[in-house]
Amino acid sequence: MRRGLQTEIVSPEDGRVRGWNHKEWGRELDVDQPLRSADPKNYQALVLPGGVTNPHALRMNPAAVAFVRSFFEDGKPVAAICHGPWMVILSGSDEGRLHPH
């Protein structure tokens, strides 16, 4: 059943991003919203990417850390894959929230 939700890719990079598929590059996807103009209030939930490369790059970006922090401050759901919890920790929102599953 569809619930009317829409997924968007928010990225510090404009244009296209490419994911990682196990041991090789995955397909490219269009960036829907540049991070610099993304308003967290326009989103209902957040999924943080996994792997090592994406979370490492994002955690070095203060705007990305602030974007993540705002979801916790607003009590919105956040999912973090693999190394994605680095962003949760850096946003200062990890206490009592990280569950290794």
N, C-alpha and C. Protein backbone atom coordinates (compact mmCIF):
# COMPACT_ATOMS: atom_id res chain seq x y z
N MET A 1 0.84 -1.16 0.00
CA MET A 1 0.00 0.00 0.00
C MET A 1 0.89 1.24 0.00
N ARG A 2 0.60 2.18 -0.85
CA ARG A 2 1.35 3.44 -0.91
C ARG A 2 0.86 4.39 0.17
N ARG A 3 1.77 5.06 0.78
CA ARG A 3 1.44 6.00 1.84
C ARG A 3 1.66 7.45 1.42
N GLY A 4 2.01 7.67 0.16
CA GLY A 4 2.17 9.02 -0.33
C GLY A 4 3.49 9.68 0.03
N LEU A 5 4.46 8.89 0.44
CA LEU A 5 5.76 9.45 0.77
C LEU A 5 6.64 9.51 -0.47
N GLN A 6 7.51 10.48 -0.50
CA GLN A 6 8.43 10.65 -1.61
C GLN A 6 9.86 10.65 -1.06
N THR A 7 10.76 9.97 -1.73
CA THR A 7 12.15 9.92 -1.32
C THR A 7 12.95 10.91 -2.14
N GLU A 8 13.85 11.64 -1.48
CA GLU A 8 14.74 12.56 -2.17
C GLU A 8 16.17 12.31 -1.74
N ILE A 9 17.08 12.51 -2.67
CA ILE A 9 18.51 12.45 -2.36
C ILE A 9 18.98 13.86 -2.10
N VAL A 10 19.46 14.09 -0.87
CA VAL A 10 20.05 15.37 -0.49
C VAL A 10 21.55 15.13 -0.42
N SER A 11 22.31 16.00 -1.08
CA SER A 11 23.76 15.78 -1.15
C SER A 11 24.51 17.11 -1.15
N PRO A 12 25.71 17.11 -0.56
CA PRO A 12 26.56 18.30 -0.67
C PRO A 12 26.99 18.54 -2.12
N GLU A 13 26.92 17.51 -2.94
CA GLU A 13 27.30 17.61 -4.35
C GLU A 13 26.07 17.84 -5.21
N ASP A 14 26.22 18.67 -6.24
CA ASP A 14 25.15 18.87 -7.21
C ASP A 14 25.22 17.78 -8.28
N GLY A 15 24.17 17.64 -9.04
CA GLY A 15 24.19 16.75 -10.20
C GLY A 15 23.81 15.33 -9.87
N ARG A 16 24.81 14.46 -9.88
CA ARG A 16 24.56 13.04 -9.67
C ARG A 16 25.51 12.49 -8.61
N VAL A 17 25.07 11.46 -7.92
CA VAL A 17 25.90 10.74 -6.96
C VAL A 17 25.89 9.27 -7.34
N ARG A 18 26.90 8.57 -6.89
CA ARG A 18 26.97 7.14 -7.19
C ARG A 18 27.13 6.36 -5.91
N GLY A 19 26.35 5.33 -5.77
CA GLY A 19 26.43 4.47 -4.60
C GLY A 19 27.46 3.38 -4.80
N TRP A 20 27.65 2.63 -3.76
CA TRP A 20 28.59 1.52 -3.75
C TRP A 20 27.77 0.25 -3.62
N ASN A 21 28.05 -0.73 -4.46
CA ASN A 21 27.31 -1.98 -4.47
C ASN A 21 28.26 -3.12 -4.14
N HIS A 22 28.36 -3.45 -2.86
CA HIS A 22 29.25 -4.49 -2.34
C HIS A 22 30.71 -4.18 -2.63
N LYS A 23 31.26 -4.65 -3.74
CA LYS A 23 32.69 -4.46 -4.02
C LYS A 23 32.96 -3.61 -5.25
N GLU A 24 31.94 -2.96 -5.77
CA GLU A 24 32.13 -2.11 -6.96
C GLU A 24 31.12 -0.96 -6.93
N TRP A 25 31.38 0.02 -7.76
CA TRP A 25 30.48 1.16 -7.83
C TRP A 25 29.10 0.72 -8.30
N GLY A 26 28.09 1.32 -7.72
CA GLY A 26 26.71 1.07 -8.12
C GLY A 26 26.29 2.08 -9.18
N ARG A 27 25.00 2.19 -9.36
CA ARG A 27 24.50 3.10 -10.39
C ARG A 27 24.49 4.54 -9.89
N GLU A 28 24.46 5.46 -10.85
CA GLU A 28 24.38 6.88 -10.53
C GLU A 28 22.92 7.28 -10.36
N LEU A 29 22.69 8.21 -9.45
CA LEU A 29 21.35 8.74 -9.20
C LEU A 29 21.41 10.26 -9.17
N ASP A 30 20.33 10.89 -9.59
CA ASP A 30 20.25 12.35 -9.57
C ASP A 30 20.11 12.86 -8.14
N VAL A 31 20.77 13.95 -7.86
CA VAL A 31 20.59 14.65 -6.58
C VAL A 31 19.31 15.47 -6.72
N ASP A 32 18.39 15.26 -5.79
CA ASP A 32 17.13 15.98 -5.84
C ASP A 32 17.23 17.36 -5.19
N GLN A 33 18.07 17.47 -4.17
CA GLN A 33 18.16 18.71 -3.42
C GLN A 33 19.59 18.90 -2.92
N PRO A 34 20.24 19.98 -3.32
CA PRO A 34 21.57 20.26 -2.77
C PRO A 34 21.45 20.55 -1.27
N LEU A 35 22.39 20.06 -0.49
CA LEU A 35 22.37 20.25 0.95
C LEU A 35 22.27 21.73 1.32
N ARG A 36 22.96 22.59 0.58
CA ARG A 36 22.98 24.01 0.93
C ARG A 36 21.60 24.66 0.90
N SER A 37 20.66 24.08 0.15
CA SER A 37 19.32 24.66 0.08
C SER A 37 18.24 23.74 0.66
N ALA A 38 18.66 22.62 1.25
CA ALA A 38 17.69 21.68 1.83
C ALA A 38 17.26 22.16 3.22
N ASP A 39 15.97 22.19 3.44
CA ASP A 39 15.42 22.58 4.74
C ASP A 39 14.92 21.32 5.44
N PRO A 40 15.54 20.93 6.55
CA PRO A 40 15.12 19.71 7.25
C PRO A 40 13.64 19.71 7.63
N LYS A 41 13.05 20.86 7.78
CA LYS A 41 11.63 20.95 8.14
C LYS A 41 10.74 20.39 7.03
N ASN A 42 11.27 20.29 5.81
CA ASN A 42 10.51 19.77 4.67
C ASN A 42 10.53 18.24 4.58
N TYR A 43 11.20 17.58 5.52
CA TYR A 43 11.35 16.14 5.48
C TYR A 43 10.77 15.50 6.74
N GLN A 44 10.23 14.31 6.57
CA GLN A 44 9.60 13.60 7.69
C GLN A 44 10.53 12.60 8.35
N ALA A 45 11.56 12.16 7.64
CA ALA A 45 12.48 11.15 8.15
C ALA A 45 13.79 11.27 7.38
N LEU A 46 14.82 10.61 7.90
CA LEU A 46 16.14 10.65 7.29
C LEU A 46 16.76 9.25 7.30
N VAL A 47 17.38 8.87 6.18
CA VAL A 47 18.16 7.64 6.10
C VAL A 47 19.59 8.06 5.78
N LEU A 48 20.52 7.71 6.66
CA LEU A 48 21.92 8.02 6.46
C LEU A 48 22.60 6.88 5.72
N PRO A 49 23.40 7.20 4.71
CA PRO A 49 24.03 6.15 3.90
C PRO A 49 25.06 5.35 4.68
N GLY A 50 25.30 4.16 4.19
CA GLY A 50 26.28 3.29 4.81
C GLY A 50 27.59 3.28 4.06
N GLY A 51 28.34 2.23 4.28
CA GLY A 51 29.67 2.15 3.71
C GLY A 51 30.62 3.00 4.53
N VAL A 52 31.82 3.17 4.04
CA VAL A 52 32.81 3.98 4.73
C VAL A 52 32.92 5.35 4.07
N THR A 53 32.93 5.39 2.77
CA THR A 53 33.20 6.63 2.03
C THR A 53 32.18 7.72 2.29
N ASN A 54 30.89 7.40 2.16
CA ASN A 54 29.86 8.43 2.32
C ASN A 54 29.83 9.01 3.74
N PRO A 55 29.72 8.18 4.78
CA PRO A 55 29.70 8.75 6.12
C PRO A 55 30.97 9.53 6.46
N HIS A 56 32.11 9.07 5.95
CA HIS A 56 33.36 9.77 6.22
C HIS A 56 33.32 11.17 5.61
N ALA A 57 32.89 11.29 4.38
CA ALA A 57 32.81 12.60 3.72
C ALA A 57 31.77 13.48 4.40
N LEU A 58 30.63 12.92 4.75
CA LEU A 58 29.56 13.72 5.37
C LEU A 58 29.96 14.23 6.75
N ARG A 59 30.67 13.42 7.52
CA ARG A 59 31.01 13.84 8.88
C ARG A 59 32.01 14.99 8.90
N MET A 60 32.68 15.22 7.79
CA MET A 60 33.62 16.34 7.67
C MET A 60 32.92 17.63 7.24
N ASN A 61 31.62 17.55 6.99
CA ASN A 61 30.85 18.68 6.48
C ASN A 61 29.93 19.21 7.60
N PRO A 62 30.26 20.37 8.18
CA PRO A 62 29.45 20.91 9.28
C PRO A 62 27.97 21.09 8.92
N ALA A 63 27.68 21.44 7.68
CA ALA A 63 26.27 21.61 7.27
C ALA A 63 25.54 20.28 7.29
N ALA A 64 26.23 19.20 6.92
CA ALA A 64 25.61 17.87 6.95
C ALA A 64 25.36 17.43 8.39
N VAL A 65 26.30 17.69 9.28
CA VAL A 65 26.13 17.34 10.69
C VAL A 65 24.95 18.11 11.28
N ALA A 66 24.84 19.39 10.96
CA ALA A 66 23.73 20.20 11.45
C ALA A 66 22.40 19.71 10.90
N PHE A 67 22.39 19.30 9.64
CA PHE A 67 21.18 18.76 9.00
C PHE A 67 20.69 17.53 9.77
N VAL A 68 21.61 16.63 10.08
CA VAL A 68 21.27 15.42 10.84
C VAL A 68 20.78 15.80 12.23
N ARG A 69 21.48 16.68 12.90
CA ARG A 69 21.10 17.08 14.26
C ARG A 69 19.66 17.60 14.30
N SER A 70 19.26 18.33 13.28
CA SER A 70 17.91 18.92 13.28
C SER A 70 16.82 17.85 13.30
N PHE A 71 17.07 16.70 12.69
CA PHE A 71 16.07 15.63 12.71
C PHE A 71 15.86 15.12 14.14
N PHE A 72 16.95 14.98 14.88
CA PHE A 72 16.84 14.55 16.27
C PHE A 72 16.18 15.61 17.13
N GLU A 73 16.54 16.86 16.91
CA GLU A 73 15.93 17.94 17.68
C GLU A 73 14.42 18.03 17.45
N ASP A 74 13.98 17.69 16.24
CA ASP A 74 12.56 17.73 15.91
C ASP A 74 11.85 16.41 16.19
N GLY A 75 12.57 15.41 16.74
CA GLY A 75 11.96 14.13 17.08
C GLY A 75 11.55 13.30 15.87
N LYS A 76 12.24 13.48 14.75
CA LYS A 76 11.90 12.73 13.54
C LYS A 76 12.70 11.43 13.47
N PRO A 77 12.17 10.42 12.80
CA PRO A 77 12.90 9.15 12.68
C PRO A 77 14.17 9.29 11.83
N VAL A 78 15.22 8.62 12.30
CA VAL A 78 16.49 8.58 11.58
C VAL A 78 16.97 7.14 11.54
N ALA A 79 17.30 6.66 10.34
CA ALA A 79 17.88 5.33 10.16
C ALA A 79 19.32 5.53 9.68
N ALA A 80 20.22 4.73 10.20
CA ALA A 80 21.63 4.84 9.82
C ALA A 80 22.15 3.45 9.46
N ILE A 81 22.73 3.35 8.28
CA ILE A 81 23.21 2.07 7.75
C ILE A 81 24.73 1.99 7.93
N CYS A 82 25.22 0.83 8.37
CA CYS A 82 26.65 0.53 8.43
C CYS A 82 27.42 1.59 9.23
N HIS A 83 28.22 2.42 8.57
CA HIS A 83 28.99 3.47 9.25
C HIS A 83 28.20 4.77 9.39
N GLY A 84 26.97 4.79 8.95
CA GLY A 84 26.11 5.97 9.07
C GLY A 84 25.98 6.51 10.48
N PRO A 85 26.02 5.67 11.53
CA PRO A 85 25.92 6.20 12.89
C PRO A 85 27.01 7.19 13.28
N TRP A 86 28.11 7.26 12.51
CA TRP A 86 29.10 8.31 12.77
C TRP A 86 28.41 9.67 12.81
N MET A 87 27.46 9.88 11.88
CA MET A 87 26.76 11.16 11.81
C MET A 87 25.88 11.37 13.05
N VAL A 88 25.31 10.32 13.55
CA VAL A 88 24.48 10.42 14.75
C VAL A 88 25.36 10.85 15.93
N ILE A 89 26.51 10.22 16.05
CA ILE A 89 27.45 10.54 17.13
C ILE A 89 27.95 11.97 17.01
N LEU A 90 28.37 12.37 15.81
CA LEU A 90 28.90 13.72 15.63
C LEU A 90 27.84 14.79 15.82
N SER A 91 26.58 14.45 15.59
CA SER A 91 25.51 15.43 15.79
C SER A 91 25.19 15.60 17.28
N GLY A 92 25.79 14.73 18.13
CA GLY A 92 25.55 14.80 19.56
C GLY A 92 24.22 14.17 19.95
N SER A 93 23.69 13.31 19.09
CA SER A 93 22.35 12.75 19.30
C SER A 93 22.36 11.26 19.57
N ASP A 94 23.50 10.71 19.95
CA ASP A 94 23.63 9.26 20.06
C ASP A 94 23.20 8.66 21.39
N GLU A 95 23.15 9.43 22.45
CA GLU A 95 22.90 8.85 23.76
C GLU A 95 21.56 8.11 23.81
N GLY A 96 21.64 6.80 24.08
CA GLY A 96 20.45 5.98 24.19
C GLY A 96 19.78 5.65 22.89
N ARG A 97 20.44 5.95 21.76
CA ARG A 97 19.77 5.76 20.47
C ARG A 97 20.41 4.70 19.57
N LEU A 98 21.66 4.41 19.74
CA LEU A 98 22.33 3.49 18.82
C LEU A 98 22.12 2.05 19.27
N HIS A 99 21.55 1.27 18.38
CA HIS A 99 21.26 -0.14 18.68
C HIS A 99 21.89 -0.98 17.57
N PRO A 100 22.89 -1.79 17.87
CA PRO A 100 23.55 -2.59 16.84
C PRO A 100 22.66 -3.77 16.39
N HIS A 101 22.06 -3.62 15.25
CA HIS A 101 21.23 -4.71 14.68
C HIS A 101 21.75 -5.08 13.33
